[in-house]
Amino acid sequence: MAWRQGCAEEWAEILASLRAEWYLERDVLKCDSMLVTDLIQATTHLDMGEVGHEWEYDRISNLYPDPSAWDAVQCCDWLDDHRINHPTNVPRLGDSPQVDEDAHAVVLREHVQNNAEPAEIMEWWAVTEWLAGELTAIGQPVLDNAYGYWWGRCTTGQAINMDGTLQEVARRHA
């Protein structure tokens, strides 16, 4: 096989991977899974006063998907990814068989919200404020409180730089 120069998309992916490695080294500080999990659970069983409010489950951003800005295709993709049937009440334009696309998108967004379950967080990683903001922007669960910032990673069993999350952050800065 002869050598060929990479295309722009291939180079962009290489750069995203390199940036992701840099973010991992610079902005992912340590694994705090047991600490954060225990503190969140303690707030449900103990009266921890003001400290307890910092660790309440409700403080986790992006625990549920926010489809408010999604179009119909994004909603359908999410429903398919989560093996959820699409709604059967498809709005029509008057008496015609044509679908009212705007109303259909509203029905789909409501269906996503009604069927969404909280993200299944497998690990908690202490991260920098910058990375916490970036992870929040791409829809990852993040706990931001007076004690720091934690990313609620929803995968486990492989290296962080293999799950694609940091590459997604890197692509935003290409």
N, C-alpha and C. Protein backbone atom coordinates (compact mmCIF):
# COMPACT_ATOMS: atom_id res chain seq x y z
N MET A 1 0.85 -1.18 0.00
CA MET A 1 0.00 0.00 0.00
C MET A 1 0.89 1.24 0.00
N ALA A 2 0.62 2.13 -0.88
CA ALA A 2 1.43 3.34 -1.04
C ALA A 2 1.02 4.38 -0.01
N TRP A 3 1.98 5.21 0.33
CA TRP A 3 1.72 6.31 1.26
C TRP A 3 0.85 7.35 0.58
N ARG A 4 -0.07 7.94 1.34
CA ARG A 4 -0.87 9.05 0.84
C ARG A 4 -1.00 10.07 1.95
N GLN A 5 -1.11 11.30 1.56
CA GLN A 5 -1.30 12.36 2.53
C GLN A 5 -2.73 12.30 3.06
N GLY A 6 -2.88 12.51 4.35
CA GLY A 6 -4.20 12.48 4.95
C GLY A 6 -5.08 13.63 4.48
N CYS A 7 -6.38 13.37 4.44
CA CYS A 7 -7.31 14.44 4.05
C CYS A 7 -7.58 15.34 5.27
N ALA A 8 -8.27 16.43 5.03
CA ALA A 8 -8.52 17.42 6.08
C ALA A 8 -9.27 16.80 7.27
N GLU A 9 -10.24 15.93 6.99
CA GLU A 9 -11.01 15.31 8.07
C GLU A 9 -10.13 14.42 8.93
N GLU A 10 -9.22 13.67 8.30
CA GLU A 10 -8.31 12.80 9.05
C GLU A 10 -7.37 13.62 9.94
N TRP A 11 -6.85 14.71 9.40
CA TRP A 11 -5.98 15.57 10.20
C TRP A 11 -6.75 16.21 11.35
N ALA A 12 -7.99 16.58 11.10
CA ALA A 12 -8.81 17.18 12.16
C ALA A 12 -9.02 16.17 13.29
N GLU A 13 -9.24 14.91 12.96
CA GLU A 13 -9.42 13.88 13.99
C GLU A 13 -8.13 13.63 14.77
N ILE A 14 -7.01 13.66 14.08
CA ILE A 14 -5.72 13.50 14.76
C ILE A 14 -5.51 14.65 15.74
N LEU A 15 -5.78 15.88 15.30
CA LEU A 15 -5.65 17.03 16.19
C LEU A 15 -6.61 16.95 17.37
N ALA A 16 -7.84 16.48 17.13
CA ALA A 16 -8.81 16.33 18.22
C ALA A 16 -8.30 15.30 19.23
N SER A 17 -7.70 14.23 18.75
CA SER A 17 -7.16 13.21 19.66
C SER A 17 -6.00 13.76 20.48
N LEU A 18 -5.15 14.54 19.84
CA LEU A 18 -4.02 15.14 20.57
C LEU A 18 -4.50 16.15 21.62
N ARG A 19 -5.48 16.97 21.24
CA ARG A 19 -6.05 17.92 22.21
C ARG A 19 -6.70 17.17 23.37
N ALA A 20 -7.41 16.10 23.05
CA ALA A 20 -8.09 15.32 24.09
C ALA A 20 -7.07 14.77 25.08
N GLU A 21 -5.95 14.28 24.60
CA GLU A 21 -4.89 13.80 25.50
C GLU A 21 -4.38 14.93 26.38
N TRP A 22 -4.23 16.10 25.80
CA TRP A 22 -3.76 17.26 26.56
C TRP A 22 -4.78 17.63 27.63
N TYR A 23 -6.08 17.64 27.27
CA TYR A 23 -7.12 17.93 28.25
C TYR A 23 -7.10 16.90 29.37
N LEU A 24 -6.90 15.66 29.02
CA LEU A 24 -6.86 14.59 30.03
C LEU A 24 -5.73 14.85 31.03
N GLU A 25 -4.57 15.20 30.52
CA GLU A 25 -3.41 15.45 31.40
C GLU A 25 -3.58 16.73 32.22
N ARG A 26 -4.17 17.76 31.62
CA ARG A 26 -4.25 19.06 32.26
C ARG A 26 -5.50 19.25 33.11
N ASP A 27 -6.65 18.74 32.66
CA ASP A 27 -7.93 19.13 33.25
C ASP A 27 -8.68 18.02 33.99
N VAL A 28 -8.28 16.78 33.83
CA VAL A 28 -8.88 15.69 34.60
C VAL A 28 -7.92 15.42 35.75
N LEU A 29 -8.37 15.72 36.97
CA LEU A 29 -7.45 15.77 38.11
C LEU A 29 -7.30 14.44 38.83
N LYS A 30 -8.41 13.80 39.16
CA LYS A 30 -8.33 12.52 39.88
C LYS A 30 -9.71 11.88 39.92
N CYS A 31 -9.72 10.60 40.19
CA CYS A 31 -10.96 9.86 40.33
C CYS A 31 -11.45 10.01 41.78
N ASP A 32 -12.68 10.48 41.93
CA ASP A 32 -13.28 10.66 43.25
C ASP A 32 -14.61 9.90 43.36
N SER A 33 -14.70 8.78 42.67
CA SER A 33 -15.97 8.05 42.61
C SER A 33 -16.55 7.72 43.97
N MET A 34 -15.76 7.14 44.83
CA MET A 34 -16.28 6.75 46.15
C MET A 34 -16.66 7.96 46.98
N LEU A 35 -15.83 8.98 46.98
CA LEU A 35 -16.10 10.18 47.77
C LEU A 35 -17.41 10.84 47.35
N VAL A 36 -17.55 11.12 46.06
CA VAL A 36 -18.73 11.83 45.58
C VAL A 36 -19.98 10.97 45.75
N THR A 37 -19.89 9.70 45.41
CA THR A 37 -21.03 8.80 45.56
C THR A 37 -21.48 8.74 47.02
N ASP A 38 -20.53 8.60 47.94
CA ASP A 38 -20.87 8.52 49.37
C ASP A 38 -21.48 9.83 49.87
N LEU A 39 -20.97 10.96 49.43
CA LEU A 39 -21.52 12.25 49.86
C LEU A 39 -22.93 12.47 49.31
N ILE A 40 -23.15 12.10 48.07
CA ILE A 40 -24.49 12.23 47.50
C ILE A 40 -25.46 11.32 48.24
N GLN A 41 -25.06 10.09 48.51
CA GLN A 41 -25.93 9.17 49.24
C GLN A 41 -26.17 9.63 50.67
N ALA A 42 -25.17 10.22 51.29
CA ALA A 42 -25.31 10.69 52.68
C ALA A 42 -26.36 11.78 52.79
N THR A 43 -26.50 12.61 51.77
CA THR A 43 -27.49 13.69 51.84
C THR A 43 -28.91 13.14 51.86
N THR A 44 -29.11 11.95 51.33
CA THR A 44 -30.46 11.37 51.34
C THR A 44 -30.77 10.68 52.66
N HIS A 45 -29.74 10.35 53.45
CA HIS A 45 -29.95 9.60 54.69
C HIS A 45 -29.67 10.40 55.96
N LEU A 46 -28.89 11.46 55.82
CA LEU A 46 -28.48 12.23 56.99
C LEU A 46 -28.80 13.71 56.81
N ASP A 47 -28.99 14.40 57.91
CA ASP A 47 -29.14 15.85 57.85
C ASP A 47 -27.73 16.43 57.96
N MET A 48 -27.22 16.88 56.82
CA MET A 48 -25.85 17.39 56.79
C MET A 48 -25.81 18.92 56.79
N GLY A 49 -26.95 19.55 56.98
CA GLY A 49 -26.99 21.01 57.03
C GLY A 49 -26.61 21.62 55.71
N GLU A 50 -25.94 22.77 55.77
CA GLU A 50 -25.55 23.50 54.56
C GLU A 50 -24.60 22.69 53.69
N VAL A 51 -23.72 21.92 54.30
CA VAL A 51 -22.78 21.10 53.54
C VAL A 51 -23.55 20.11 52.67
N GLY A 52 -24.61 19.55 53.21
CA GLY A 52 -25.40 18.57 52.49
C GLY A 52 -26.03 19.12 51.22
N HIS A 53 -26.41 20.39 51.24
CA HIS A 53 -27.03 20.99 50.04
C HIS A 53 -26.07 20.99 48.85
N GLU A 54 -24.79 21.06 49.13
CA GLU A 54 -23.80 21.07 48.06
C GLU A 54 -23.73 19.73 47.33
N TRP A 55 -24.17 18.66 47.99
CA TRP A 55 -24.02 17.31 47.43
C TRP A 55 -25.35 16.68 47.04
N GLU A 56 -26.41 17.48 46.94
CA GLU A 56 -27.71 16.94 46.58
C GLU A 56 -27.73 16.53 45.11
N TYR A 57 -28.46 15.48 44.84
CA TYR A 57 -28.59 14.91 43.50
C TYR A 57 -29.07 15.95 42.50
N ASP A 58 -29.92 16.86 42.93
CA ASP A 58 -30.48 17.89 42.06
C ASP A 58 -29.44 18.89 41.55
N ARG A 59 -28.27 18.92 42.15
CA ARG A 59 -27.22 19.86 41.74
C ARG A 59 -26.45 19.37 40.52
N ILE A 60 -26.70 18.15 40.09
CA ILE A 60 -25.98 17.59 38.94
C ILE A 60 -26.62 18.12 37.66
N SER A 61 -25.84 18.85 36.88
CA SER A 61 -26.37 19.35 35.60
C SER A 61 -26.35 18.23 34.57
N ASN A 62 -27.25 18.33 33.61
CA ASN A 62 -27.36 17.36 32.51
C ASN A 62 -27.64 15.94 32.97
N LEU A 63 -28.29 15.82 34.11
CA LEU A 63 -28.67 14.49 34.58
C LEU A 63 -29.71 13.88 33.65
N TYR A 64 -30.56 14.74 33.10
CA TYR A 64 -31.56 14.34 32.11
C TYR A 64 -31.26 15.08 30.82
N PRO A 65 -31.60 14.50 29.66
CA PRO A 65 -31.38 15.22 28.40
C PRO A 65 -32.29 16.45 28.33
N ASP A 66 -31.81 17.48 27.65
CA ASP A 66 -32.61 18.69 27.44
C ASP A 66 -32.89 18.81 25.94
N PRO A 67 -34.05 18.31 25.51
CA PRO A 67 -34.35 18.33 24.07
C PRO A 67 -34.96 19.64 23.58
N SER A 68 -34.96 20.68 24.40
CA SER A 68 -35.66 21.92 24.06
C SER A 68 -35.18 22.54 22.74
N ALA A 69 -33.92 22.34 22.39
CA ALA A 69 -33.40 22.92 21.14
C ALA A 69 -33.25 21.86 20.04
N TRP A 70 -33.72 20.64 20.28
CA TRP A 70 -33.57 19.57 19.31
C TRP A 70 -34.62 19.68 18.22
N ASP A 71 -34.26 19.26 17.03
CA ASP A 71 -35.25 19.14 15.96
C ASP A 71 -35.81 17.71 15.98
N ALA A 72 -36.73 17.43 15.07
CA ALA A 72 -37.39 16.13 15.05
C ALA A 72 -36.39 14.99 14.81
N VAL A 73 -35.41 15.21 13.96
CA VAL A 73 -34.43 14.17 13.66
C VAL A 73 -33.60 13.83 14.90
N GLN A 74 -33.15 14.85 15.63
CA GLN A 74 -32.38 14.61 16.85
C GLN A 74 -33.22 13.86 17.88
N CYS A 75 -34.47 14.23 18.01
CA CYS A 75 -35.36 13.52 18.95
C CYS A 75 -35.52 12.07 18.54
N CYS A 76 -35.75 11.83 17.26
CA CYS A 76 -35.91 10.45 16.77
C CYS A 76 -34.64 9.64 16.98
N ASP A 77 -33.48 10.26 16.73
CA ASP A 77 -32.21 9.57 16.97
C ASP A 77 -32.07 9.18 18.43
N TRP A 78 -32.41 10.10 19.35
CA TRP A 78 -32.31 9.81 20.78
C TRP A 78 -33.26 8.68 21.15
N LEU A 79 -34.49 8.74 20.66
CA LEU A 79 -35.47 7.69 20.95
C LEU A 79 -34.98 6.34 20.43
N ASP A 80 -34.43 6.33 19.22
CA ASP A 80 -33.90 5.09 18.66
C ASP A 80 -32.72 4.56 19.47
N ASP A 81 -31.80 5.45 19.85
CA ASP A 81 -30.63 5.05 20.64
C ASP A 81 -31.04 4.43 21.96
N HIS A 82 -32.16 4.88 22.51
CA HIS A 82 -32.62 4.38 23.81
C HIS A 82 -33.74 3.35 23.69
N ARG A 83 -33.94 2.89 22.46
CA ARG A 83 -34.93 1.84 22.16
C ARG A 83 -36.32 2.18 22.71
N ILE A 84 -36.73 3.42 22.47
CA ILE A 84 -38.05 3.89 22.90
C ILE A 84 -38.89 4.09 21.64
N ASN A 85 -40.10 3.56 21.66
CA ASN A 85 -41.00 3.71 20.52
C ASN A 85 -41.34 5.18 20.30
N HIS A 86 -41.52 5.52 19.04
CA HIS A 86 -41.89 6.89 18.69
C HIS A 86 -43.38 7.09 19.02
N PRO A 87 -43.79 8.32 19.30
CA PRO A 87 -45.21 8.57 19.58
C PRO A 87 -46.06 8.27 18.34
N THR A 88 -47.25 7.81 18.58
CA THR A 88 -48.15 7.46 17.46
C THR A 88 -49.05 8.62 17.06
N ASN A 89 -49.17 9.63 17.91
CA ASN A 89 -50.04 10.78 17.62
C ASN A 89 -49.26 11.83 16.83
N VAL A 90 -49.12 11.59 15.53
CA VAL A 90 -48.39 12.50 14.66
C VAL A 90 -49.34 13.59 14.17
N PRO A 91 -49.05 14.85 14.49
CA PRO A 91 -49.95 15.95 14.08
C PRO A 91 -49.94 16.15 12.56
N ARG A 92 -51.11 16.37 12.02
CA ARG A 92 -51.28 16.58 10.57
C ARG A 92 -51.67 18.03 10.29
N LEU A 93 -51.47 18.45 9.05
CA LEU A 93 -51.87 19.79 8.62
C LEU A 93 -53.33 19.73 8.18
N GLY A 94 -54.20 20.21 9.03
CA GLY A 94 -55.63 20.20 8.72
C GLY A 94 -56.14 18.80 8.45
N ASP A 95 -56.84 18.63 7.34
CA ASP A 95 -57.39 17.33 6.96
C ASP A 95 -56.45 16.56 6.04
N SER A 96 -55.30 17.14 5.71
CA SER A 96 -54.39 16.48 4.77
C SER A 96 -53.55 15.42 5.49
N PRO A 97 -52.99 14.50 4.73
CA PRO A 97 -52.11 13.48 5.34
C PRO A 97 -50.71 14.02 5.64
N GLN A 98 -50.43 15.26 5.24
CA GLN A 98 -49.11 15.85 5.43
C GLN A 98 -48.87 16.14 6.91
N VAL A 99 -47.68 15.80 7.39
CA VAL A 99 -47.30 15.99 8.79
C VAL A 99 -46.99 17.46 9.05
N ASP A 100 -47.49 17.97 10.17
CA ASP A 100 -47.14 19.32 10.64
C ASP A 100 -45.79 19.19 11.34
N GLU A 101 -44.71 19.54 10.63
CA GLU A 101 -43.35 19.30 11.13
C GLU A 101 -43.06 20.02 12.44
N ASP A 102 -43.51 21.26 12.58
CA ASP A 102 -43.27 22.01 13.82
C ASP A 102 -43.97 21.36 15.00
N ALA A 103 -45.23 21.01 14.82
CA ALA A 103 -45.99 20.38 15.89
C ALA A 103 -45.44 18.99 16.20
N HIS A 104 -44.97 18.29 15.15
CA HIS A 104 -44.39 16.96 15.35
C HIS A 104 -43.13 17.06 16.20
N ALA A 105 -42.30 18.07 15.95
CA ALA A 105 -41.08 18.26 16.76
C ALA A 105 -41.44 18.51 18.22
N VAL A 106 -42.50 19.28 18.47
CA VAL A 106 -42.94 19.54 19.85
C VAL A 106 -43.38 18.24 20.51
N VAL A 107 -44.15 17.42 19.79
CA VAL A 107 -44.61 16.13 20.33
C VAL A 107 -43.41 15.24 20.63
N LEU A 108 -42.44 15.22 19.74
CA LEU A 108 -41.25 14.38 19.95
C LEU A 108 -40.43 14.86 21.14
N ARG A 109 -40.26 16.19 21.29
CA ARG A 109 -39.51 16.71 22.45
C ARG A 109 -40.20 16.33 23.75
N GLU A 110 -41.53 16.45 23.77
CA GLU A 110 -42.28 16.07 24.98
C GLU A 110 -42.13 14.57 25.25
N HIS A 111 -42.10 13.77 24.19
CA HIS A 111 -41.96 12.32 24.35
C HIS A 111 -40.58 11.98 24.93
N VAL A 112 -39.55 12.68 24.46
CA VAL A 112 -38.20 12.48 25.02
C VAL A 112 -38.21 12.82 26.50
N GLN A 113 -38.75 14.00 26.84
CA GLN A 113 -38.78 14.42 28.25
C GLN A 113 -39.56 13.44 29.12
N ASN A 114 -40.67 12.94 28.62
CA ASN A 114 -41.50 12.03 29.41
C ASN A 114 -40.89 10.65 29.58
N ASN A 115 -39.97 10.28 28.69
CA ASN A 115 -39.38 8.94 28.74
C ASN A 115 -37.93 8.93 29.18
N ALA A 116 -37.37 10.10 29.42
CA ALA A 116 -35.96 10.17 29.81
C ALA A 116 -35.76 9.68 31.24
N GLU A 117 -34.68 8.96 31.41
CA GLU A 117 -34.26 8.53 32.73
C GLU A 117 -32.95 9.23 33.05
N PRO A 118 -32.61 9.33 34.33
CA PRO A 118 -31.35 10.02 34.65
C PRO A 118 -30.16 9.28 34.07
N ALA A 119 -29.13 10.03 33.75
CA ALA A 119 -27.90 9.43 33.25
C ALA A 119 -27.37 8.44 34.29
N GLU A 120 -26.82 7.35 33.81
CA GLU A 120 -26.25 6.35 34.71
C GLU A 120 -24.76 6.67 34.89
N ILE A 121 -24.45 7.34 35.96
CA ILE A 121 -23.07 7.78 36.20
C ILE A 121 -22.29 6.63 36.82
N MET A 122 -21.21 6.25 36.18
CA MET A 122 -20.38 5.13 36.61
C MET A 122 -19.18 5.57 37.45
N GLU A 123 -18.67 6.76 37.13
CA GLU A 123 -17.46 7.25 37.79
C GLU A 123 -17.57 8.76 37.99
N TRP A 124 -16.91 9.26 39.01
CA TRP A 124 -16.83 10.70 39.27
C TRP A 124 -15.36 11.12 39.18
N TRP A 125 -15.09 12.09 38.34
CA TRP A 125 -13.74 12.59 38.15
C TRP A 125 -13.68 14.07 38.49
N ALA A 126 -12.76 14.46 39.36
CA ALA A 126 -12.53 15.87 39.65
C ALA A 126 -11.91 16.49 38.41
N VAL A 127 -12.46 17.64 38.00
CA VAL A 127 -11.98 18.32 36.79
C VAL A 127 -11.81 19.81 37.07
N THR A 128 -11.12 20.48 36.17
CA THR A 128 -10.95 21.92 36.31
C THR A 128 -12.26 22.63 35.97
N GLU A 129 -12.35 23.88 36.38
CA GLU A 129 -13.54 24.67 36.08
C GLU A 129 -13.76 24.78 34.57
N TRP A 130 -12.68 24.97 33.82
CA TRP A 130 -12.80 25.08 32.37
C TRP A 130 -13.40 23.82 31.77
N LEU A 131 -12.86 22.66 32.13
CA LEU A 131 -13.38 21.42 31.56
C LEU A 131 -14.81 21.16 32.03
N ALA A 132 -15.14 21.52 33.27
CA ALA A 132 -16.52 21.36 33.74
C ALA A 132 -17.48 22.14 32.85
N GLY A 133 -17.10 23.35 32.47
CA GLY A 133 -17.93 24.15 31.58
C GLY A 133 -18.07 23.53 30.20
N GLU A 134 -16.98 23.00 29.69
CA GLU A 134 -17.01 22.36 28.37
C GLU A 134 -17.86 21.09 28.39
N LEU A 135 -17.73 20.30 29.45
CA LEU A 135 -18.52 19.07 29.57
C LEU A 135 -20.00 19.39 29.71
N THR A 136 -20.31 20.43 30.47
CA THR A 136 -21.71 20.85 30.60
C THR A 136 -22.26 21.26 29.24
N ALA A 137 -21.47 21.97 28.46
CA ALA A 137 -21.91 22.46 27.15
C ALA A 137 -22.22 21.33 26.18
N ILE A 138 -21.55 20.18 26.31
CA ILE A 138 -21.82 19.06 25.40
C ILE A 138 -22.80 18.06 26.01
N GLY A 139 -23.39 18.41 27.15
CA GLY A 139 -24.44 17.57 27.73
C GLY A 139 -23.99 16.49 28.69
N GLN A 140 -22.77 16.56 29.16
CA GLN A 140 -22.27 15.57 30.12
C GLN A 140 -22.71 15.96 31.53
N PRO A 141 -22.98 14.97 32.40
CA PRO A 141 -23.34 15.28 33.79
C PRO A 141 -22.15 15.91 34.53
N VAL A 142 -22.40 17.01 35.20
CA VAL A 142 -21.35 17.71 35.96
C VAL A 142 -21.94 18.16 37.29
N LEU A 143 -21.19 17.94 38.35
CA LEU A 143 -21.54 18.45 39.68
C LEU A 143 -20.63 19.63 39.96
N ASP A 144 -21.23 20.78 40.17
CA ASP A 144 -20.50 22.03 40.43
C ASP A 144 -21.00 22.52 41.79
N ASN A 145 -20.11 22.53 42.78
CA ASN A 145 -20.51 23.02 44.09
C ASN A 145 -19.37 23.81 44.72
N ALA A 146 -19.54 24.19 45.96
CA ALA A 146 -18.56 25.02 46.65
C ALA A 146 -17.22 24.31 46.85
N TYR A 147 -17.20 23.01 46.65
CA TYR A 147 -15.99 22.23 46.89
C TYR A 147 -15.22 21.87 45.63
N GLY A 148 -15.80 22.13 44.48
CA GLY A 148 -15.11 21.83 43.24
C GLY A 148 -16.05 21.44 42.12
N TYR A 149 -15.45 20.80 41.12
CA TYR A 149 -16.17 20.39 39.92
C TYR A 149 -15.90 18.91 39.67
N TRP A 150 -16.97 18.16 39.38
CA TRP A 150 -16.82 16.74 39.10
C TRP A 150 -17.60 16.38 37.85
N TRP A 151 -16.97 15.59 37.01
CA TRP A 151 -17.61 15.06 35.82
C TRP A 151 -18.18 13.69 36.16
N GLY A 152 -19.46 13.51 35.91
CA GLY A 152 -20.10 12.22 36.10
C GLY A 152 -19.97 11.41 34.84
N ARG A 153 -18.92 10.62 34.75
CA ARG A 153 -18.65 9.84 33.54
C ARG A 153 -19.63 8.67 33.45
N CYS A 154 -20.24 8.52 32.31
CA CYS A 154 -21.28 7.50 32.12
C CYS A 154 -20.76 6.24 31.44
N THR A 155 -19.46 6.10 31.36
CA THR A 155 -18.85 4.88 30.85
C THR A 155 -17.79 4.44 31.84
N THR A 156 -17.37 3.21 31.72
CA THR A 156 -16.34 2.68 32.61
C THR A 156 -15.67 1.50 31.91
N GLY A 157 -14.54 1.10 32.42
CA GLY A 157 -13.89 -0.09 31.88
C GLY A 157 -12.90 0.17 30.77
N GLN A 158 -12.75 1.41 30.37
CA GLN A 158 -11.75 1.74 29.35
C GLN A 158 -11.14 3.09 29.71
N ALA A 159 -10.02 3.37 29.10
CA ALA A 159 -9.35 4.65 29.36
C ALA A 159 -10.25 5.81 28.96
N ILE A 160 -10.18 6.90 29.71
CA ILE A 160 -11.01 8.08 29.43
C ILE A 160 -10.84 8.57 28.00
N ASN A 161 -9.62 8.54 27.50
CA ASN A 161 -9.39 9.08 26.16
C ASN A 161 -9.89 8.15 25.05
N MET A 162 -10.51 7.04 25.43
CA MET A 162 -11.07 6.13 24.42
C MET A 162 -12.58 6.27 24.27
N ASP A 163 -13.26 6.99 25.17
CA ASP A 163 -14.72 7.02 25.07
C ASP A 163 -15.27 8.16 24.20
N GLY A 164 -14.40 9.03 23.70
CA GLY A 164 -14.83 10.05 22.75
C GLY A 164 -15.30 11.36 23.35
N THR A 165 -15.46 11.44 24.65
CA THR A 165 -15.98 12.65 25.27
C THR A 165 -14.99 13.81 25.14
N LEU A 166 -13.75 13.58 25.48
CA LEU A 166 -12.77 14.66 25.40
C LEU A 166 -12.49 15.05 23.94
N GLN A 167 -12.62 14.08 23.03
CA GLN A 167 -12.47 14.41 21.62
C GLN A 167 -13.62 15.33 21.17
N GLU A 168 -14.80 15.10 21.70
CA GLU A 168 -15.93 15.98 21.37
C GLU A 168 -15.66 17.40 21.86
N VAL A 169 -15.11 17.52 23.06
CA VAL A 169 -14.72 18.84 23.57
C VAL A 169 -13.67 19.45 22.64
N ALA A 170 -12.69 18.66 22.24
CA ALA A 170 -11.61 19.16 21.38
C ALA A 170 -12.13 19.64 20.03
N ARG A 171 -13.11 18.93 19.47
CA ARG A 171 -13.67 19.33 18.17
C ARG A 171 -14.34 20.70 18.25
N ARG A 172 -14.83 21.05 19.42
CA ARG A 172 -15.46 22.37 19.58
C ARG A 172 -14.43 23.50 19.49
N HIS A 173 -13.16 23.17 19.66
CA HIS A 173 -12.10 24.18 19.66
C HIS A 173 -11.16 24.04 18.47
N ALA A 174 -11.60 23.33 17.46
CA ALA A 174 -10.75 23.12 16.27
C ALA A 174 -10.64 24.38 15.45
